[in-house]
């Protein structure tokens, strides 16, 4: 049997080791869970906005923002949901700018044309999400392989089209990408171009 002093020291060593290791494991789990949870929550919100279930999307975003009022992606998607529900383009401009200041940006549900424009009609296309963030532009298609990422420094043009003001284009790496916003108005491209100019000045 171990002497009392040695037993006490061993017990103390075990307790210290346990105390030192426990926070490390706990914090790892705590860090990982909200990120995964927030990511899946915002992914679900984008699906709701895509289906035009704006009230449900807004309700879910409000829950996220109650827990984390400066959540950059939640602020961005809240501006997106409100834009498509209310069609208030001037308020959307302010909302997206606030989201950008918080570390987010602007997100739009768009039609991406796979053909050169000769009329205002889009025949060959895919739908997806256009994200403007501090590090550049990303288009994520709902399906297919027409996605791309482009840093702002590589953007050659970001303008509304001459043929139809409902269409805007982004030229990056010598390739022009044409888009139309969900609202199918000339105001949405105007908003998107204005946000691009604002984000690249900050």
Protein backbone atom coordinates (compact mmCIF):
# COMPACT_ATOMS: atom_id res chain seq x y z
CA UNK A 1 0.00 0.00 0.00
CA UNK A 2 1.28 3.49 -0.90
CA UNK A 3 2.21 5.92 1.87
CA UNK A 4 -0.43 8.60 2.59
CA UNK A 5 1.73 11.45 1.25
CA UNK A 6 2.43 9.64 -2.03
CA UNK A 7 -1.23 8.71 -2.42
CA UNK A 8 -2.26 12.34 -1.86
CA UNK A 9 0.25 13.57 -4.43
CA UNK A 10 -0.91 10.97 -6.97
CA UNK A 11 -4.55 11.89 -6.39
CA UNK A 12 -3.73 15.59 -6.80
CA UNK A 13 -1.85 14.85 -10.04
CA UNK A 14 -4.84 12.90 -11.42
CA UNK A 15 -7.25 15.72 -10.50
CA UNK A 16 -5.01 18.39 -12.09
CA UNK A 17 -4.60 16.29 -15.27
CA UNK A 18 -8.38 15.78 -15.47
CA UNK A 19 -9.10 19.49 -14.92
CA UNK A 20 -6.54 20.53 -17.55
CA UNK A 21 -7.81 18.08 -20.17
CA UNK A 22 -11.54 18.56 -19.60
CA UNK A 23 -11.87 22.20 -20.77
CA UNK A 24 -9.89 21.41 -23.91
CA UNK A 25 -12.30 18.64 -24.91
CA UNK A 26 -15.37 20.61 -23.90
CA UNK A 27 -14.38 23.76 -25.74
CA UNK A 28 -13.65 21.82 -28.90
CA UNK A 29 -17.14 20.40 -28.81
CA UNK A 30 -18.69 23.76 -27.97
CA UNK A 31 -16.89 25.48 -30.81
CA UNK A 32 -17.79 22.87 -33.38
CA UNK A 33 -21.49 22.57 -32.58
CA UNK A 34 -22.66 26.18 -33.17
CA UNK A 35 -20.68 26.46 -36.42
CA UNK A 36 -22.23 23.27 -37.76
CA UNK A 37 -25.63 24.28 -36.41
CA UNK A 38 -25.43 27.82 -37.83
CA UNK A 39 -24.21 26.55 -41.20
CA UNK A 40 -27.05 24.05 -41.54
CA UNK A 41 -29.53 26.69 -40.30
CA UNK A 42 -28.45 29.23 -42.92
CA UNK A 43 -28.44 26.54 -45.64
CA UNK A 44 -32.04 25.72 -44.67
CA UNK A 45 -32.92 29.43 -44.83
CA UNK A 46 -31.58 29.70 -48.40
CA UNK A 47 -33.78 26.75 -49.40
CA UNK A 48 -36.80 28.50 -47.87
CA UNK A 49 -36.03 31.74 -49.74
CA UNK A 50 -35.58 29.76 -52.95
CA UNK A 51 -39.07 28.25 -52.41
CA UNK A 52 -40.39 31.78 -51.68
CA UNK A 53 -41.30 30.77 -48.09
CA UNK A 54 -40.19 34.20 -46.88
CA UNK A 55 -42.12 34.33 -43.59
CA UNK A 56 -40.63 31.03 -42.43
CA UNK A 57 -37.14 32.09 -43.54
CA UNK A 58 -37.45 35.39 -41.65
CA UNK A 59 -38.72 33.60 -38.52
CA UNK A 60 -35.71 31.25 -38.55
CA UNK A 61 -33.30 34.13 -39.12
CA UNK A 62 -34.84 36.05 -36.21
CA UNK A 63 -34.13 33.04 -33.97
CA UNK A 64 -30.46 33.01 -35.06
CA UNK A 65 -30.15 36.79 -34.57
CA UNK A 66 -31.70 36.60 -31.10
CA UNK A 67 -28.82 34.35 -30.07
CA UNK A 68 -26.19 36.17 -32.14
CA UNK A 69 -27.26 39.71 -33.20
CA UNK A 70 -24.09 40.28 -35.28
CA UNK A 71 -24.25 37.00 -37.21
CA UNK A 72 -23.04 38.23 -40.61
CA UNK A 73 -24.65 35.54 -42.77
CA UNK A 74 -27.98 35.77 -40.93
CA UNK A 75 -28.01 39.56 -41.45
CA UNK A 76 -27.23 39.05 -45.14
CA UNK A 77 -29.97 36.47 -45.68
CA UNK A 78 -32.45 38.56 -43.68
CA UNK A 79 -31.85 41.40 -46.15
CA UNK A 80 -32.33 38.90 -49.03
CA UNK A 81 -35.61 37.53 -47.64
CA UNK A 82 -36.97 41.02 -46.94
CA UNK A 83 -35.99 42.22 -50.41
CA UNK A 84 -37.86 39.47 -52.22
CA UNK A 85 -40.86 39.63 -49.91
CA UNK A 86 -41.31 43.42 -49.85
CA UNK A 87 -39.59 44.54 -53.08
CA UNK A 88 -38.27 47.62 -51.23
CA UNK A 89 -35.01 48.12 -53.13
CA UNK A 90 -33.85 51.29 -51.33
CA UNK A 91 -34.23 49.61 -47.90
CA UNK A 92 -32.44 46.53 -49.24
CA UNK A 93 -29.49 48.74 -50.21
CA UNK A 94 -29.16 49.91 -46.58
CA UNK A 95 -29.73 46.40 -45.16
CA UNK A 96 -27.05 44.82 -47.34
CA UNK A 97 -24.58 47.59 -46.49
CA UNK A 98 -25.18 46.94 -42.78
CA UNK A 99 -24.65 43.20 -43.35
CA UNK A 100 -21.40 43.98 -45.19
CA UNK A 101 -20.17 46.09 -42.24
CA UNK A 102 -20.85 43.10 -39.96
CA UNK A 103 -18.69 40.85 -42.17
CA UNK A 104 -21.37 39.54 -44.52
CA UNK A 105 -22.50 41.10 -47.78
CA UNK A 106 -25.30 40.62 -50.29
CA UNK A 107 -26.95 37.49 -51.70
CA UNK A 108 -29.38 37.22 -54.63
CA UNK A 109 -31.31 34.40 -56.26
CA UNK A 110 -30.57 34.72 -59.97
CA UNK A 111 -30.97 33.13 -63.38
CA UNK A 112 -27.59 32.53 -65.03
CA UNK A 113 -27.67 32.48 -68.83
CA UNK A 114 -25.57 29.90 -70.70
CA UNK A 115 -25.92 31.72 -74.02
CA UNK A 116 -24.94 35.02 -75.60
CA UNK A 117 -27.70 37.60 -75.38
CA UNK A 118 -29.37 38.59 -78.62
CA UNK A 119 -32.80 39.23 -77.05
CA UNK A 120 -34.05 39.90 -73.53
CA UNK A 121 -35.23 36.26 -73.27
CA UNK A 122 -33.16 33.63 -71.47
CA UNK A 123 -33.62 30.16 -72.92
CA UNK A 124 -30.60 28.10 -71.83
CA UNK A 125 -29.94 28.81 -68.15
CA UNK A 126 -29.53 27.58 -64.59
CA UNK A 127 -30.65 29.14 -61.30
CA UNK A 128 -28.53 29.75 -58.25
CA UNK A 129 -27.14 32.11 -55.64
CA UNK A 130 -24.96 35.11 -56.38
CA UNK A 131 -22.94 36.16 -53.31
CA UNK A 132 -21.09 39.46 -52.99
CA UNK A 133 -18.69 39.44 -50.05
CA UNK A 134 -15.62 41.40 -48.96
CA UNK A 135 -13.29 39.00 -50.79
CA UNK A 136 -15.20 38.99 -54.09
CA UNK A 137 -18.06 37.38 -56.00
CA UNK A 138 -19.27 33.79 -56.05
CA UNK A 139 -22.03 32.17 -58.08
CA UNK A 140 -23.31 28.85 -56.70
CA UNK A 141 -25.71 27.10 -59.11
CA UNK A 142 -28.54 24.95 -57.77
CA UNK A 143 -27.26 22.21 -60.05
CA UNK A 144 -24.69 21.83 -62.81
CA UNK A 145 -21.13 23.09 -63.14
CA UNK A 146 -21.57 26.76 -64.04
CA UNK A 147 -20.39 28.11 -60.69
CA UNK A 148 -17.44 30.45 -60.33
CA UNK A 149 -15.55 32.62 -57.86
CA UNK A 150 -13.89 35.90 -58.75
CA UNK A 151 -11.99 38.30 -56.47
CA UNK A 152 -12.96 41.93 -56.93
CA UNK A 153 -9.47 42.70 -58.21
CA UNK A 154 -10.09 40.41 -61.22
CA UNK A 155 -13.48 41.89 -62.20
CA UNK A 156 -13.21 43.65 -65.56
CA UNK A 157 -16.87 44.72 -65.85
CA UNK A 158 -19.90 44.62 -63.58
CA UNK A 159 -22.74 46.46 -65.34
CA UNK A 160 -26.35 46.34 -66.47
CA UNK A 161 -26.74 45.20 -70.07
CA UNK A 162 -27.55 47.61 -72.87
CA UNK A 163 -30.05 45.27 -74.52
CA UNK A 164 -32.18 44.81 -71.40
CA UNK A 165 -31.86 46.70 -68.12
CA UNK A 166 -33.30 43.63 -66.37
CA UNK A 167 -30.06 41.79 -67.17
CA UNK A 168 -26.60 42.46 -65.75
CA UNK A 169 -23.23 40.94 -66.55
CA UNK A 170 -19.96 40.23 -64.77
CA UNK A 171 -16.78 39.95 -66.81
CA UNK A 172 -13.98 38.13 -65.05
CA UNK A 173 -10.92 36.44 -66.54
CA UNK A 174 -12.03 37.47 -70.02
CA UNK A 175 -15.36 35.59 -69.68
CA UNK A 176 -18.71 37.39 -69.47
CA UNK A 177 -21.43 35.92 -67.25
CA UNK A 178 -25.03 37.18 -67.73
CA UNK A 179 -27.65 37.18 -64.98
CA UNK A 180 -31.24 38.18 -64.28
CA UNK A 181 -32.54 38.73 -60.74
CA UNK A 182 -35.54 36.93 -59.25
CA UNK A 183 -37.69 40.07 -59.26
CA UNK A 184 -37.31 40.34 -63.07
CA UNK A 185 -37.25 44.14 -62.79
CA UNK A 186 -34.65 46.69 -63.84
CA UNK A 187 -34.32 47.75 -60.18
CA UNK A 188 -32.67 44.55 -58.96
CA UNK A 189 -29.68 44.79 -61.37
CA UNK A 190 -29.39 48.46 -60.41
CA UNK A 191 -29.25 47.46 -56.73
CA UNK A 192 -26.70 44.68 -57.37
CA UNK A 193 -24.39 46.96 -59.39
CA UNK A 194 -24.68 49.70 -56.73
CA UNK A 195 -23.73 47.21 -53.99
CA UNK A 196 -20.78 45.94 -56.01
CA UNK A 197 -19.50 49.52 -56.34
CA UNK A 198 -20.09 50.19 -52.64
CA UNK A 199 -18.34 46.99 -51.50
CA UNK A 200 -15.30 47.56 -53.70
CA UNK A 201 -14.85 51.07 -52.30
CA UNK A 202 -14.66 49.78 -48.70
